[in-house]
Amino acid sequence: MPSLDRRIGSGVFEPEQLTALRQLFEEACTLFGASADSAEADDIALKLLTAFKSGYVDKETMFAALLDSKDKQ
């Protein structure tokens, strides 16, 4: 099961939100060279969901949050 599915768990999301999150997850995995079932992909999924739950909803802001978290590592 891809990391995003595991991270979503029992959270309640609208279908459009899930579609957008899945697209962002796939793009981020490609950008960072992570396979969908890797530990890095799991980390990407967690960061995307955290950003989304914090109110970041547009692609640019969510990617900026991902890149910022990568820079801090």
N, C-alpha and C. Protein backbone atom coordinates (compact mmCIF):
# COMPACT_ATOMS: atom_id res chain seq x y z
N MET A 1 0.85 -1.18 0.00
CA MET A 1 0.00 0.00 0.00
C MET A 1 0.89 1.24 0.00
N PRO A 2 0.68 2.18 -0.92
CA PRO A 2 1.50 3.39 -0.95
C PRO A 2 1.40 4.17 0.36
N SER A 3 2.47 4.89 0.63
CA SER A 3 2.59 5.62 1.89
C SER A 3 1.45 6.59 2.15
N LEU A 4 0.95 7.26 1.12
CA LEU A 4 -0.12 8.22 1.32
C LEU A 4 -1.35 7.53 1.87
N ASP A 5 -1.69 6.35 1.34
CA ASP A 5 -2.86 5.61 1.83
C ASP A 5 -2.71 5.26 3.30
N ARG A 6 -1.52 4.85 3.70
CA ARG A 6 -1.28 4.51 5.11
C ARG A 6 -1.41 5.73 5.99
N ARG A 7 -0.91 6.86 5.53
CA ARG A 7 -0.94 8.09 6.34
C ARG A 7 -2.33 8.69 6.45
N ILE A 8 -3.18 8.52 5.43
CA ILE A 8 -4.53 9.08 5.48
C ILE A 8 -5.34 8.41 6.57
N GLY A 9 -5.16 7.10 6.72
CA GLY A 9 -5.84 6.38 7.80
C GLY A 9 -7.33 6.61 7.77
N SER A 10 -7.87 6.94 8.93
CA SER A 10 -9.31 7.12 9.04
C SER A 10 -9.71 8.59 8.97
N GLY A 11 -8.79 9.46 8.54
CA GLY A 11 -9.13 10.88 8.40
C GLY A 11 -10.24 11.08 7.39
N VAL A 12 -10.96 12.16 7.53
CA VAL A 12 -12.07 12.43 6.62
C VAL A 12 -11.62 13.50 5.63
N PHE A 13 -11.63 13.13 4.36
CA PHE A 13 -11.25 14.03 3.29
C PHE A 13 -12.30 13.96 2.20
N GLU A 14 -12.49 15.07 1.51
CA GLU A 14 -13.37 15.09 0.35
C GLU A 14 -12.66 14.42 -0.81
N PRO A 15 -13.40 13.82 -1.74
CA PRO A 15 -12.77 13.15 -2.89
C PRO A 15 -11.81 14.05 -3.67
N GLU A 16 -12.19 15.33 -3.83
CA GLU A 16 -11.31 16.24 -4.57
C GLU A 16 -10.01 16.48 -3.81
N GLN A 17 -10.11 16.52 -2.48
CA GLN A 17 -8.91 16.70 -1.66
C GLN A 17 -7.98 15.50 -1.80
N LEU A 18 -8.56 14.31 -1.78
CA LEU A 18 -7.75 13.10 -1.93
C LEU A 18 -7.06 13.07 -3.29
N THR A 19 -7.79 13.46 -4.32
CA THR A 19 -7.20 13.49 -5.67
C THR A 19 -6.03 14.47 -5.72
N ALA A 20 -6.23 15.66 -5.16
CA ALA A 20 -5.17 16.67 -5.16
C ALA A 20 -3.97 16.19 -4.33
N LEU A 21 -4.23 15.62 -3.16
CA LEU A 21 -3.14 15.12 -2.31
C LEU A 21 -2.37 14.00 -3.00
N ARG A 22 -3.08 13.11 -3.66
CA ARG A 22 -2.42 12.01 -4.37
C ARG A 22 -1.53 12.55 -5.49
N GLN A 23 -2.03 13.53 -6.23
CA GLN A 23 -1.22 14.13 -7.30
C GLN A 23 0.02 14.80 -6.74
N LEU A 24 -0.14 15.54 -5.65
CA LEU A 24 1.02 16.19 -5.02
C LEU A 24 2.02 15.15 -4.52
N PHE A 25 1.51 14.10 -3.92
CA PHE A 25 2.37 13.03 -3.41
C PHE A 25 3.17 12.40 -4.54
N GLU A 26 2.50 12.08 -5.63
CA GLU A 26 3.19 11.46 -6.76
C GLU A 26 4.23 12.41 -7.37
N GLU A 27 3.89 13.68 -7.49
CA GLU A 27 4.84 14.66 -8.02
C GLU A 27 6.03 14.82 -7.09
N ALA A 28 5.77 14.87 -5.78
CA ALA A 28 6.86 15.02 -4.81
C ALA A 28 7.77 13.79 -4.82
N CYS A 29 7.19 12.62 -4.92
CA CYS A 29 8.00 11.40 -4.97
C CYS A 29 8.90 11.42 -6.21
N THR A 30 8.35 11.85 -7.32
CA THR A 30 9.14 11.96 -8.55
C THR A 30 10.25 12.99 -8.37
N LEU A 31 9.90 14.14 -7.83
CA LEU A 31 10.86 15.21 -7.62
C LEU A 31 12.03 14.78 -6.74
N PHE A 32 11.72 14.03 -5.67
CA PHE A 32 12.75 13.61 -4.73
C PHE A 32 13.32 12.23 -5.04
N GLY A 33 12.82 11.60 -6.10
CA GLY A 33 13.33 10.28 -6.50
C GLY A 33 12.99 9.19 -5.50
N ALA A 34 11.82 9.27 -4.90
CA ALA A 34 11.39 8.28 -3.89
C ALA A 34 10.37 7.33 -4.50
N SER A 35 10.55 6.03 -4.28
CA SER A 35 9.52 5.08 -4.71
C SER A 35 8.33 5.21 -3.75
N ALA A 36 7.14 4.93 -4.25
CA ALA A 36 5.91 5.17 -3.49
C ALA A 36 5.80 4.38 -2.20
N ASP A 37 6.58 3.32 -2.05
CA ASP A 37 6.49 2.53 -0.82
C ASP A 37 7.76 2.63 0.03
N SER A 38 8.55 3.66 -0.19
CA SER A 38 9.80 3.83 0.56
C SER A 38 9.58 4.63 1.85
N ALA A 39 10.57 4.62 2.71
CA ALA A 39 10.53 5.41 3.93
C ALA A 39 10.49 6.90 3.60
N GLU A 40 11.22 7.30 2.56
CA GLU A 40 11.20 8.71 2.16
C GLU A 40 9.81 9.12 1.69
N ALA A 41 9.12 8.25 0.96
CA ALA A 41 7.76 8.54 0.51
C ALA A 41 6.81 8.64 1.70
N ASP A 42 7.03 7.82 2.71
CA ASP A 42 6.23 7.88 3.93
C ASP A 42 6.41 9.25 4.59
N ASP A 43 7.64 9.74 4.62
CA ASP A 43 7.94 11.04 5.18
C ASP A 43 7.28 12.15 4.36
N ILE A 44 7.33 12.03 3.05
CA ILE A 44 6.70 13.00 2.16
C ILE A 44 5.19 13.04 2.43
N ALA A 45 4.57 11.87 2.53
CA ALA A 45 3.13 11.79 2.78
C ALA A 45 2.77 12.47 4.10
N LEU A 46 3.53 12.19 5.13
CA LEU A 46 3.27 12.80 6.43
C LEU A 46 3.38 14.32 6.36
N LYS A 47 4.41 14.81 5.69
CA LYS A 47 4.60 16.27 5.58
C LYS A 47 3.51 16.92 4.74
N LEU A 48 3.08 16.26 3.68
CA LEU A 48 1.99 16.81 2.88
C LEU A 48 0.70 16.89 3.68
N LEU A 49 0.39 15.82 4.41
CA LEU A 49 -0.84 15.81 5.20
C LEU A 49 -0.77 16.83 6.33
N THR A 50 0.39 16.98 6.95
CA THR A 50 0.56 17.97 8.01
C THR A 50 0.36 19.37 7.45
N ALA A 51 0.96 19.65 6.31
CA ALA A 51 0.80 20.96 5.67
C ALA A 51 -0.66 21.20 5.31
N PHE A 52 -1.32 20.19 4.76
CA PHE A 52 -2.72 20.32 4.37
C PHE A 52 -3.60 20.60 5.58
N LYS A 53 -3.38 19.85 6.65
CA LYS A 53 -4.18 20.04 7.86
C LYS A 53 -3.89 21.38 8.53
N SER A 54 -2.73 21.98 8.22
CA SER A 54 -2.37 23.29 8.77
C SER A 54 -2.95 24.43 7.94
N GLY A 55 -3.64 24.09 6.87
CA GLY A 55 -4.30 25.11 6.06
C GLY A 55 -3.65 25.39 4.73
N TYR A 56 -2.53 24.74 4.44
CA TYR A 56 -1.90 24.93 3.13
C TYR A 56 -2.67 24.07 2.13
N VAL A 57 -3.27 24.71 1.15
CA VAL A 57 -4.08 23.93 0.22
C VAL A 57 -3.64 24.05 -1.23
N ASP A 58 -2.82 25.06 -1.54
CA ASP A 58 -2.41 25.16 -2.93
C ASP A 58 -1.07 24.46 -3.14
N LYS A 59 -0.88 24.01 -4.35
CA LYS A 59 0.28 23.19 -4.72
C LYS A 59 1.60 23.90 -4.40
N GLU A 60 1.71 25.14 -4.76
CA GLU A 60 2.96 25.87 -4.57
C GLU A 60 3.33 25.97 -3.09
N THR A 61 2.36 26.27 -2.25
CA THR A 61 2.62 26.42 -0.82
C THR A 61 3.00 25.07 -0.20
N MET A 62 2.32 24.02 -0.61
CA MET A 62 2.61 22.70 -0.06
C MET A 62 4.00 22.23 -0.50
N PHE A 63 4.37 22.48 -1.76
CA PHE A 63 5.70 22.11 -2.21
C PHE A 63 6.76 22.94 -1.50
N ALA A 64 6.47 24.22 -1.26
CA ALA A 64 7.40 25.07 -0.53
C ALA A 64 7.61 24.53 0.88
N ALA A 65 6.56 24.06 1.51
CA ALA A 65 6.68 23.47 2.85
C ALA A 65 7.52 22.21 2.81
N LEU A 66 7.35 21.40 1.77
CA LEU A 66 8.17 20.19 1.62
C LEU A 66 9.64 20.54 1.42
N LEU A 67 9.90 21.49 0.55
CA LEU A 67 11.27 21.90 0.28
C LEU A 67 11.91 22.51 1.51
N ASP A 68 11.15 23.29 2.25
CA ASP A 68 11.65 23.90 3.48
C ASP A 68 12.02 22.83 4.49
N SER A 69 11.19 21.82 4.63
CA SER A 69 11.49 20.74 5.58
C SER A 69 12.71 19.94 5.13
N LYS A 70 12.90 19.80 3.82
CA LYS A 70 14.09 19.09 3.30
C LYS A 70 15.36 19.89 3.60
N ASP A 71 15.27 21.21 3.48
CA ASP A 71 16.42 22.07 3.75
C ASP A 71 16.85 22.01 5.21
N LYS A 72 15.90 21.77 6.10
CA LYS A 72 16.19 21.75 7.54
C LYS A 72 16.78 20.42 8.00
N GLN A 73 16.78 19.42 7.13
CA GLN A 73 17.29 18.10 7.52
C GLN A 73 18.78 18.08 7.47
